[in-house]
């Protein structure tokens, strides 16, 4: 299964966002993998700060379904100062509907 969603980065934090993801925590990476998430990419539109995330998932749930995990909650808190977030620090994200796919 493929999933895509958008999030919003706060203005001026493009390099910091890249830096934090370049050093993604091993325990978060392992959790994603163990949860069936693979081939995960995030793209940035530097002009708008819009983040486009795409992932392939084995099973029916992806990274957006891991919000109760303490590792994910810690990551959200770590990222909350540079992203638009909900009151629980989760990134405000909008799932996207796939309308075309060419394999």
PDB file of N, CA and C in Angstrom:
ATOM      1  N   UNK A   1       0.836  -1.168   0.000  1.00  0.00           N
ATOM      2  CA  UNK A   1       0.000   0.000   0.000  1.00  0.00           C
ATOM      3  C   UNK A   1       0.893   1.247   0.000  1.00  0.00           C
ATOM      4  N   UNK A   2       0.433   2.271  -0.710  1.00  0.00           N
ATOM      5  CA  UNK A   2       1.132   3.554  -0.748  1.00  0.00           C
ATOM      6  C   UNK A   2       0.307   4.585   0.007  1.00  0.00           C
ATOM      7  N   UNK A   3       0.990   5.456   0.746  1.00  0.00           N
ATOM      8  CA  UNK A   3       0.324   6.529   1.463  1.00  0.00           C
ATOM      9  C   UNK A   3       1.080   7.819   1.221  1.00  0.00           C
ATOM     10  N   UNK A   4       0.337   8.917   1.138  1.00  0.00           N
ATOM     11  CA  UNK A   4       0.948  10.236   0.984  1.00  0.00           C
ATOM     12  C   UNK A   4       0.189  11.230   1.844  1.00  0.00           C
ATOM     13  N   UNK A   5       0.914  12.227   2.344  1.00  0.00           N
ATOM     14  CA  UNK A   5       0.289  13.276   3.146  1.00  0.00           C
ATOM     15  C   UNK A   5       1.165  14.521   3.090  1.00  0.00           C
ATOM     16  N   UNK A   6       0.579  15.647   3.451  1.00  0.00           N
ATOM     17  CA  UNK A   6       1.317  16.907   3.481  1.00  0.00           C
ATOM     18  C   UNK A   6       1.340  17.437   4.910  1.00  0.00           C
ATOM     19  N   UNK A   7       2.410  18.169   5.203  1.00  0.00           N
ATOM     20  CA  UNK A   7       2.601  18.826   6.496  1.00  0.00           C
ATOM     21  C   UNK A   7       3.152  20.212   6.209  1.00  0.00           C
ATOM     22  N   UNK A   8       3.280  21.036   7.237  1.00  0.00           N
ATOM     23  CA  UNK A   8       3.760  22.397   7.040  1.00  0.00           C
ATOM     24  C   UNK A   8       4.945  22.692   7.946  1.00  0.00           C
ATOM     25  N   UNK A   9       6.036  23.132   7.334  1.00  0.00           N
ATOM     26  CA  UNK A   9       7.226  23.547   8.051  1.00  0.00           C
ATOM     27  C   UNK A   9       7.130  25.048   8.329  1.00  0.00           C
ATOM     28  N   UNK A  10       7.583  25.465   9.495  1.00  0.00           N
ATOM     29  CA  UNK A  10       7.605  26.897   9.804  1.00  0.00           C
ATOM     30  C   UNK A  10       8.696  27.564   8.967  1.00  0.00           C
ATOM     31  N   UNK A  11       8.441  28.798   8.577  1.00  0.00           N
ATOM     32  CA  UNK A  11       9.365  29.548   7.717  1.00  0.00           C
ATOM     33  C   UNK A  11      10.733  29.702   8.392  1.00  0.00           C
ATOM     34  N   UNK A  12      11.774  29.469   7.609  1.00  0.00           N
ATOM     35  CA  UNK A  12      13.136  29.648   8.085  1.00  0.00           C
ATOM     36  C   UNK A  12      13.774  28.420   8.712  1.00  0.00           C
ATOM     37  N   UNK A  13      13.064  27.301   8.759  1.00  0.00           N
ATOM     38  CA  UNK A  13      13.584  26.103   9.414  1.00  0.00           C
ATOM     39  C   UNK A  13      13.916  24.976   8.436  1.00  0.00           C
ATOM     40  N   UNK A  14      14.094  25.320   7.169  1.00  0.00           N
ATOM     41  CA  UNK A  14      14.359  24.307   6.149  1.00  0.00           C
ATOM     42  C   UNK A  14      15.638  23.518   6.439  1.00  0.00           C
ATOM     43  N   UNK A  15      16.707  24.216   6.757  1.00  0.00           N
ATOM     44  CA  UNK A  15      17.975  23.535   7.013  1.00  0.00           C
ATOM     45  C   UNK A  15      17.917  22.722   8.301  1.00  0.00           C
ATOM     46  N   UNK A  16      17.259  23.254   9.314  1.00  0.00           N
ATOM     47  CA  UNK A  16      17.140  22.521  10.581  1.00  0.00           C
ATOM     48  C   UNK A  16      16.332  21.243  10.393  1.00  0.00           C
ATOM     49  N   UNK A  17      15.270  21.313   9.602  1.00  0.00           N
ATOM     50  CA  UNK A  17      14.454  20.122   9.330  1.00  0.00           C
ATOM     51  C   UNK A  17      15.316  19.061   8.643  1.00  0.00           C
ATOM     52  N   UNK A  18      16.093  19.477   7.666  1.00  0.00           N
ATOM     53  CA  UNK A  18      16.984  18.551   6.948  1.00  0.00           C
ATOM     54  C   UNK A  18      18.005  17.944   7.910  1.00  0.00           C
ATOM     55  N   UNK A  19      18.598  18.789   8.746  1.00  0.00           N
ATOM     56  CA  UNK A  19      19.614  18.331   9.704  1.00  0.00           C
ATOM     57  C   UNK A  19      19.043  17.271  10.651  1.00  0.00           C
ATOM     58  N   UNK A  20      17.847  17.520  11.167  1.00  0.00           N
ATOM     59  CA  UNK A  20      17.249  16.572  12.112  1.00  0.00           C
ATOM     60  C   UNK A  20      16.911  15.248  11.431  1.00  0.00           C
ATOM     61  N   UNK A  21      16.487  15.303  10.188  1.00  0.00           N
ATOM     62  CA  UNK A  21      16.165  14.060   9.491  1.00  0.00           C
ATOM     63  C   UNK A  21      17.410  13.337   8.995  1.00  0.00           C
ATOM     64  N   UNK A  22      18.478  14.065   8.741  1.00  0.00           N
ATOM     65  CA  UNK A  22      19.744  13.412   8.393  1.00  0.00           C
ATOM     66  C   UNK A  22      20.263  12.582   9.564  1.00  0.00           C
ATOM     67  N   UNK A  23      19.895  12.988  10.772  1.00  0.00           N
ATOM     68  CA  UNK A  23      20.330  12.285  11.982  1.00  0.00           C
ATOM     69  C   UNK A  23      19.142  11.601  12.659  1.00  0.00           C
ATOM     70  N   UNK A  24      18.241  11.043  11.866  1.00  0.00           N
ATOM     71  CA  UNK A  24      17.045  10.396  12.428  1.00  0.00           C
ATOM     72  C   UNK A  24      17.460   9.354  13.460  1.00  0.00           C
ATOM     73  N   UNK A  25      16.730   9.299  14.532  1.00  0.00           N
ATOM     74  CA  UNK A  25      17.066   8.394  15.624  1.00  0.00           C
ATOM     75  C   UNK A  25      16.974   6.940  15.170  1.00  0.00           C
ATOM     76  N   UNK A  26      17.960   6.131  15.499  1.00  0.00           N
ATOM     77  CA  UNK A  26      17.924   4.715  15.122  1.00  0.00           C
ATOM     78  C   UNK A  26      16.670   3.999  15.636  1.00  0.00           C
ATOM     79  N   UNK A  27      16.227   4.358  16.850  1.00  0.00           N
ATOM     80  CA  UNK A  27      15.051   3.693  17.407  1.00  0.00           C
ATOM     81  C   UNK A  27      13.771   4.061  16.642  1.00  0.00           C
ATOM     82  N   UNK A  28      13.703   5.275  16.103  1.00  0.00           N
ATOM     83  CA  UNK A  28      12.555   5.663  15.289  1.00  0.00           C
ATOM     84  C   UNK A  28      12.598   4.956  13.940  1.00  0.00           C
ATOM     85  N   UNK A  29      13.764   4.903  13.353  1.00  0.00           N
ATOM     86  CA  UNK A  29      13.931   4.194  12.083  1.00  0.00           C
ATOM     87  C   UNK A  29      13.547   2.716  12.239  1.00  0.00           C
ATOM     88  N   UNK A  30      13.985   2.098  13.328  1.00  0.00           N
ATOM     89  CA  UNK A  30      13.661   0.686  13.582  1.00  0.00           C
ATOM     90  C   UNK A  30      12.158   0.509  13.791  1.00  0.00           C
ATOM     91  N   UNK A  31      11.532   1.417  14.523  1.00  0.00           N
ATOM     92  CA  UNK A  31      10.096   1.340  14.771  1.00  0.00           C
ATOM     93  C   UNK A  31       9.316   1.412  13.457  1.00  0.00           C
ATOM     94  N   UNK A  32       9.690   2.341  12.598  1.00  0.00           N
ATOM     95  CA  UNK A  32       9.019   2.464  11.308  1.00  0.00           C
ATOM     96  C   UNK A  32       9.143   1.170  10.510  1.00  0.00           C
ATOM     97  N   UNK A  33      10.349   0.661  10.456  1.00  0.00           N
ATOM     98  CA  UNK A  33      10.596  -0.572   9.714  1.00  0.00           C
ATOM     99  C   UNK A  33       9.801  -1.747  10.297  1.00  0.00           C
ATOM    100  N   UNK A  34       9.837  -1.887  11.615  1.00  0.00           N
ATOM    101  CA  UNK A  34       9.112  -2.971  12.279  1.00  0.00           C
ATOM    102  C   UNK A  34       7.600  -2.846  12.083  1.00  0.00           C
ATOM    103  N   UNK A  35       7.133  -1.623  11.863  1.00  0.00           N
ATOM    104  CA  UNK A  35       5.698  -1.371  11.677  1.00  0.00           C
ATOM    105  C   UNK A  35       5.258  -1.554  10.225  1.00  0.00           C
ATOM    106  N   UNK A  36       6.219  -1.893   9.358  1.00  0.00           N
ATOM    107  CA  UNK A  36       5.886  -2.139   7.963  1.00  0.00           C
ATOM    108  C   UNK A  36       6.071  -0.955   7.041  1.00  0.00           C
ATOM    109  N   UNK A  37       6.605   0.147   7.549  1.00  0.00           N
ATOM    110  CA  UNK A  37       6.849   1.326   6.721  1.00  0.00           C
ATOM    111  C   UNK A  37       8.202   1.166   6.031  1.00  0.00           C
ATOM    112  N   UNK A  38       8.214   1.339   4.722  1.00  0.00           N
ATOM    113  CA  UNK A  38       9.469   1.296   3.963  1.00  0.00           C
ATOM    114  C   UNK A  38       9.363   2.252   2.784  1.00  0.00           C
ATOM    115  N   UNK A  39      10.464   2.514   2.143  1.00  0.00           N
ATOM    116  CA  UNK A  39      10.492   3.426   1.002  1.00  0.00           C
ATOM    117  C   UNK A  39       9.764   4.727   1.358  1.00  0.00           C
ATOM    118  N   UNK A  40      10.246   5.396   2.411  1.00  0.00           N
ATOM    119  CA  UNK A  40       9.615   6.584   2.967  1.00  0.00           C
ATOM    120  C   UNK A  40      10.437   7.799   2.535  1.00  0.00           C
ATOM    121  N   UNK A  41       9.792   8.742   1.877  1.00  0.00           N
ATOM    122  CA  UNK A  41      10.449   9.975   1.427  1.00  0.00           C
ATOM    123  C   UNK A  41       9.627  11.176   1.843  1.00  0.00           C
ATOM    124  N   UNK A  42      10.315  12.276   2.145  1.00  0.00           N
ATOM    125  CA  UNK A  42       9.652  13.546   2.412  1.00  0.00           C
ATOM    126  C   UNK A  42      10.298  14.571   1.487  1.00  0.00           C
ATOM    127  N   UNK A  43       9.456  15.317   0.781  1.00  0.00           N
ATOM    128  CA  UNK A  43       9.903  16.339  -0.154  1.00  0.00           C
ATOM    129  C   UNK A  43       9.494  17.711   0.380  1.00  0.00           C
ATOM    130  N   UNK A  44      10.320  18.718   0.122  1.00  0.00           N
ATOM    131  CA  UNK A  44      10.069  20.070   0.599  1.00  0.00           C
ATOM    132  C   UNK A  44       9.890  21.032  -0.562  1.00  0.00           C
ATOM    133  N   UNK A  45       8.818  21.801  -0.532  1.00  0.00           N
ATOM    134  CA  UNK A  45       8.651  22.942  -1.425  1.00  0.00           C
ATOM    135  C   UNK A  45       9.189  24.146  -0.656  1.00  0.00           C
ATOM    136  N   UNK A  46      10.400  24.563  -0.966  1.00  0.00           N
ATOM    137  CA  UNK A  46      11.071  25.624  -0.213  1.00  0.00           C
ATOM    138  C   UNK A  46      10.313  26.950  -0.247  1.00  0.00           C
ATOM    139  N   UNK A  47       9.607  27.212  -1.295  1.00  0.00           N
ATOM    140  CA  UNK A  47       8.875  28.470  -1.402  1.00  0.00           C
ATOM    141  C   UNK A  47       7.721  28.556  -0.399  1.00  0.00           C
ATOM    142  N   UNK A  48       6.995  27.466  -0.227  1.00  0.00           N
ATOM    143  CA  UNK A  48       5.823  27.481   0.648  1.00  0.00           C
ATOM    144  C   UNK A  48       6.068  26.847   2.019  1.00  0.00           C
ATOM    145  N   UNK A  49       7.134  26.053   2.147  1.00  0.00           N
ATOM    146  CA  UNK A  49       7.376  25.310   3.380  1.00  0.00           C
ATOM    147  C   UNK A  49       6.527  24.058   3.495  1.00  0.00           C
ATOM    148  N   UNK A  50       5.822  23.730   2.430  1.00  0.00           N
ATOM    149  CA  UNK A  50       4.959  22.547   2.417  1.00  0.00           C
ATOM    150  C   UNK A  50       5.832  21.302   2.288  1.00  0.00           C
ATOM    151  N   UNK A  51       5.560  20.306   3.139  1.00  0.00           N
ATOM    152  CA  UNK A  51       6.251  19.026   3.103  1.00  0.00           C
ATOM    153  C   UNK A  51       5.299  17.995   2.512  1.00  0.00           C
ATOM    154  N   UNK A  52       5.791  17.238   1.551  1.00  0.00           N
ATOM    155  CA  UNK A  52       5.021  16.160   0.941  1.00  0.00           C
ATOM    156  C   UNK A  52       5.695  14.855   1.328  1.00  0.00           C
ATOM    157  N   UNK A  53       4.968  13.997   2.012  1.00  0.00           N
ATOM    158  CA  UNK A  53       5.513  12.717   2.459  1.00  0.00           C
ATOM    159  C   UNK A  53       4.867  11.579   1.690  1.00  0.00           C
ATOM    160  N   UNK A  54       5.691  10.612   1.331  1.00  0.00           N
ATOM    161  CA  UNK A  54       5.229   9.426   0.612  1.00  0.00           C
ATOM    162  C   UNK A  54       5.881   8.211   1.242  1.00  0.00           C
ATOM    163  N   UNK A  55       5.093   7.163   1.456  1.00  0.00           N
ATOM    164  CA  UNK A  55       5.644   5.941   2.018  1.00  0.00           C
ATOM    165  C   UNK A  55       4.911   4.733   1.473  1.00  0.00           C
ATOM    166  N   UNK A  56       5.641   3.656   1.422  1.00  0.00           N
ATOM    167  CA  UNK A  56       5.041   2.368   1.119  1.00  0.00           C
ATOM    168  C   UNK A  56       4.928   1.620   2.433  1.00  0.00           C
ATOM    169  N   UNK A  57       3.834   0.875   2.565  1.00  0.00           N
ATOM    170  CA  UNK A  57       3.538   0.208   3.817  1.00  0.00           C
ATOM    171  C   UNK A  57       3.148  -1.236   3.546  1.00  0.00           C
ATOM    172  N   UNK A  58       3.746  -2.139   4.295  1.00  0.00           N
ATOM    173  CA  UNK A  58       3.306  -3.528   4.274  1.00  0.00           C
ATOM    174  C   UNK A  58       2.232  -3.632   5.348  1.00  0.00           C
ATOM    175  N   UNK A  59       1.020  -3.930   4.948  1.00  0.00           N
ATOM    176  CA  UNK A  59      -0.094  -3.964   5.884  1.00  0.00           C
ATOM    177  C   UNK A  59      -1.034  -2.810   5.614  1.00  0.00           C
ATOM    178  N   UNK A  60      -1.781  -2.431   6.633  1.00  0.00           N
ATOM    179  CA  UNK A  60      -2.815  -1.412   6.438  1.00  0.00           C
ATOM    180  C   UNK A  60      -2.570  -0.117   7.188  1.00  0.00           C
ATOM    181  N   UNK A  61      -1.493  -0.026   7.963  1.00  0.00           N
ATOM    182  CA  UNK A  61      -1.233   1.201   8.706  1.00  0.00           C
ATOM    183  C   UNK A  61       0.175   1.693   8.441  1.00  0.00           C
ATOM    184  N   UNK A  62       0.333   3.011   8.488  1.00  0.00           N
ATOM    185  CA  UNK A  62       1.632   3.622   8.230  1.00  0.00           C
ATOM    186  C   UNK A  62       2.123   4.432   9.411  1.00  0.00           C
ATOM    187  N   UNK A  63       3.057   5.311   9.151  1.00  0.00           N
ATOM    188  CA  UNK A  63       3.658   6.113  10.210  1.00  0.00           C
ATOM    189  C   UNK A  63       2.632   6.974  10.930  1.00  0.00           C
ATOM    190  N   UNK A  64       1.587   7.371  10.240  1.00  0.00           N
ATOM    191  CA  UNK A  64       0.560   8.222  10.830  1.00  0.00           C
ATOM    192  C   UNK A  64      -0.282   7.489  11.873  1.00  0.00           C
ATOM    193  N   UNK A  65      -0.102   6.179  11.983  1.00  0.00           N
ATOM    194  CA  UNK A  65      -0.862   5.377  12.936  1.00  0.00           C
ATOM    195  C   UNK A  65      -0.040   5.000  14.175  1.00  0.00           C
ATOM    196  N   UNK A  66       1.125   5.602  14.343  1.00  0.00           N
ATOM    197  CA  UNK A  66       2.016   5.240  15.446  1.00  0.00           C
ATOM    198  C   UNK A  66       2.018   6.265  16.578  1.00  0.00           C
ATOM    199  N   UNK A  67       1.033   7.142  16.611  1.00  0.00           N
ATOM    200  CA  UNK A  67       1.012   8.262  17.546  1.00  0.00           C
ATOM    201  C   UNK A  67       0.988   7.922  19.016  1.00  0.00           C
ATOM    202  N   UNK A  68       0.602   6.724  19.384  1.00  0.00           N
ATOM    203  CA  UNK A  68       0.595   6.362  20.800  1.00  0.00           C
ATOM    204  C   UNK A  68       1.941   5.809  21.265  1.00  0.00           C
ATOM    205  N   UNK A  69       2.851   5.598  20.332  1.00  0.00           N
ATOM    206  CA  UNK A  69       4.162   5.048  20.692  1.00  0.00           C
ATOM    207  C   UNK A  69       5.024   6.140  21.347  1.00  0.00           C
ATOM    208  N   UNK A  70       5.671   5.849  22.476  1.00  0.00           N
ATOM    209  CA  UNK A  70       6.497   6.848  23.163  1.00  0.00           C
ATOM    210  C   UNK A  70       7.646   7.400  22.306  1.00  0.00           C
ATOM    211  N   UNK A  71       8.213   6.582  21.437  1.00  0.00           N
ATOM    212  CA  UNK A  71       9.289   7.062  20.563  1.00  0.00           C
ATOM    213  C   UNK A  71       8.748   8.125  19.610  1.00  0.00           C
ATOM    214  N   UNK A  72       7.587   7.876  19.051  1.00  0.00           N
ATOM    215  CA  UNK A  72       6.966   8.827  18.133  1.00  0.00           C
ATOM    216  C   UNK A  72       6.584  10.101  18.877  1.00  0.00           C
ATOM    217  N   UNK A  73       6.043   9.979  20.063  1.00  0.00           N
ATOM    218  CA  UNK A  73       5.683  11.157  20.842  1.00  0.00           C
ATOM    219  C   UNK A  73       6.903  11.999  21.181  1.00  0.00           C
ATOM    220  N   UNK A  74       8.012  11.351  21.469  1.00  0.00           N
ATOM    221  CA  UNK A  74       9.269  12.062  21.746  1.00  0.00           C
ATOM    222  C   UNK A  74       9.758  12.781  20.483  1.00  0.00           C
ATOM    223  N   UNK A  75       9.647  12.126  19.320  1.00  0.00           N
ATOM    224  CA  UNK A  75      10.037  12.738  18.047  1.00  0.00           C
ATOM    225  C   UNK A  75       9.165  13.954  17.749  1.00  0.00           C
ATOM    226  N   UNK A  76       7.860  13.815  17.966  1.00  0.00           N
ATOM    227  CA  UNK A  76       6.953  14.941  17.742  1.00  0.00           C
ATOM    228  C   UNK A  76       7.347  16.141  18.605  1.00  0.00           C
ATOM    229  N   UNK A  77       7.651  15.897  19.872  1.00  0.00           N
ATOM    230  CA  UNK A  77       8.057  16.981  20.771  1.00  0.00           C
ATOM    231  C   UNK A  77       9.348  17.636  20.275  1.00  0.00           C
ATOM    232  N   UNK A  78      10.255  16.819  19.773  1.00  0.00           N
ATOM    233  CA  UNK A  78      11.528  17.305  19.237  1.00  0.00           C
ATOM    234  C   UNK A  78      11.319  18.176  18.004  1.00  0.00           C
ATOM    235  N   UNK A  79      10.338  17.855  17.191  1.00  0.00           N
ATOM    236  CA  UNK A  79      10.088  18.569  15.938  1.00  0.00           C
ATOM    237  C   UNK A  79       9.086  19.720  16.076  1.00  0.00           C
ATOM    238  N   UNK A  80       8.389  19.811  17.202  1.00  0.00           N
ATOM    239  CA  UNK A  80       7.281  20.758  17.362  1.00  0.00           C
ATOM    240  C   UNK A  80       7.682  22.217  17.195  1.00  0.00           C
ATOM    241  N   UNK A  81       8.923  22.562  17.495  1.00  0.00           N
ATOM    242  CA  UNK A  81       9.325  23.960  17.394  1.00  0.00           C
ATOM    243  C   UNK A  81       9.533  24.428  15.952  1.00  0.00           C
ATOM    244  N   UNK A  82       9.590  23.500  15.000  1.00  0.00           N
ATOM    245  CA  UNK A  82       9.858  23.907  13.613  1.00  0.00           C
ATOM    246  C   UNK A  82       8.733  23.540  12.640  1.00  0.00           C
ATOM    247  N   UNK A  83       7.661  22.932  13.159  1.00  0.00           N
ATOM    248  CA  UNK A  83       6.553  22.518  12.300  1.00  0.00           C
ATOM    249  C   UNK A  83       5.227  23.019  12.859  1.00  0.00           C
ATOM    250  N   UNK A  84       4.237  23.108  11.998  1.00  0.00           N
ATOM    251  CA  UNK A  84       2.879  23.390  12.441  1.00  0.00           C
ATOM    252  C   UNK A  84       2.351  22.110  13.090  1.00  0.00           C
ATOM    253  N   UNK A  85       1.878  22.217  14.337  1.00  0.00           N
ATOM    254  CA  UNK A  85       1.488  21.021  15.089  1.00  0.00           C
ATOM    255  C   UNK A  85       0.115  21.167  15.734  1.00  0.00           C
ATOM    256  N   UNK A  86      -0.419  20.014  16.109  1.00  0.00           N
ATOM    257  CA  UNK A  86      -1.631  19.936  16.916  1.00  0.00           C
ATOM    258  C   UNK A  86      -1.243  20.120  18.380  1.00  0.00           C
ATOM    259  N   UNK A  87      -2.229  20.286  19.285  1.00  0.00           N
ATOM    260  CA  UNK A  87      -1.906  20.461  20.709  1.00  0.00           C
ATOM    261  C   UNK A  87      -1.081  19.328  21.316  1.00  0.00           C
ATOM    262  N   UNK A  88      -1.162  18.109  20.763  1.00  0.00           N
ATOM    263  CA  UNK A  88      -0.372  16.990  21.297  1.00  0.00           C
ATOM    264  C   UNK A  88       1.016  16.892  20.658  1.00  0.00           C
ATOM    265  N   UNK A  89       1.422  17.927  19.921  1.00  0.00           N
ATOM    266  CA  UNK A  89       2.709  18.016  19.210  1.00  0.00           C
ATOM    267  C   UNK A  89       2.760  17.222  17.918  1.00  0.00           C
ATOM    268  N   UNK A  90       1.713  16.469  17.592  1.00  0.00           N
ATOM    269  CA  UNK A  90       1.728  15.750  16.315  1.00  0.00           C
ATOM    270  C   UNK A  90       1.687  16.765  15.181  1.00  0.00           C
ATOM    271  N   UNK A  91       2.401  16.497  14.092  1.00  0.00           N
ATOM    272  CA  UNK A  91       2.367  17.432  12.976  1.00  0.00           C
ATOM    273  C   UNK A  91       0.951  17.511  12.399  1.00  0.00           C
ATOM    274  N   UNK A  92       0.528  18.709  12.072  1.00  0.00           N
ATOM    275  CA  UNK A  92      -0.729  18.841  11.350  1.00  0.00           C
ATOM    276  C   UNK A  92      -0.485  18.236   9.978  1.00  0.00           C
ATOM    277  N   UNK A  93      -1.217  17.196   9.664  1.00  0.00           N
ATOM    278  CA  UNK A  93      -1.009  16.523   8.382  1.00  0.00           C
ATOM    279  C   UNK A  93      -2.349  16.273   7.713  1.00  0.00           C
ATOM    280  N   UNK A  94      -2.305  16.306   6.410  1.00  0.00           N
ATOM    281  CA  UNK A  94      -3.493  16.084   5.601  1.00  0.00           C
ATOM    282  C   UNK A  94      -3.223  14.893   4.695  1.00  0.00           C
ATOM    283  N   UNK A  95      -3.970  13.799   4.867  1.00  0.00           N
ATOM    284  CA  UNK A  95      -3.767  12.662   3.970  1.00  0.00           C
ATOM    285  C   UNK A  95      -4.209  13.019   2.560  1.00  0.00           C
ATOM    286  N   UNK A  96      -3.498  12.480   1.600  1.00  0.00           N
ATOM    287  CA  UNK A  96      -3.804  12.727   0.199  1.00  0.00           C
ATOM    288  C   UNK A  96      -4.402  11.485  -0.434  1.00  0.00           C
ATOM    289  N   UNK A  97      -5.351  11.695  -1.293  1.00  0.00           N
ATOM    290  CA  UNK A  97      -5.994  10.606  -2.013  1.00  0.00           C
ATOM    291  C   UNK A  97      -5.233  10.343  -3.306  1.00  0.00           C
ATOM    292  N   UNK A  98      -4.896   9.103  -3.543  1.00  0.00           N
ATOM    293  CA  UNK A  98      -4.219   8.752  -4.792  1.00  0.00           C
ATOM    294  C   UNK A  98      -5.240   8.769  -5.926  1.00  0.00           C
ATOM    295  N   UNK A  99      -4.948   9.556  -6.945  1.00  0.00           N
ATOM    296  CA  UNK A  99      -5.856   9.649  -8.083  1.00  0.00           C
ATOM    297  C   UNK A  99      -5.232   9.124  -9.369  1.00  0.00           C
ATOM    298  N   UNK A 100      -3.925   8.813  -9.331  1.00  0.00           N
ATOM    299  CA  UNK A 100      -3.254   8.239 -10.499  1.00  0.00           C
ATOM    300  C   UNK A 100      -2.004   7.533 -10.042  1.00  0.00           C
ATOM    301  N   UNK A 101      -1.724   6.406 -10.682  1.00  0.00           N
ATOM    302  CA  UNK A 101      -0.483   5.654 -10.408  1.00  0.00           C
ATOM    303  C   UNK A 101      -0.072   4.940 -11.686  1.00  0.00           C
ATOM    304  N   UNK A 102       1.181   5.072 -12.049  1.00  0.00           N
ATOM    305  CA  UNK A 102       1.737   4.378 -13.207  1.00  0.00           C
ATOM    306  C   UNK A 102       2.899   3.540 -12.718  1.00  0.00           C
ATOM    307  N   UNK A 103       2.834   2.253 -12.927  1.00  0.00           N
ATOM    308  CA  UNK A 103       3.913   1.362 -12.480  1.00  0.00           C
ATOM    309  C   UNK A 103       4.677   0.845 -13.669  1.00  0.00           C
TER     310      UNK A 103
END
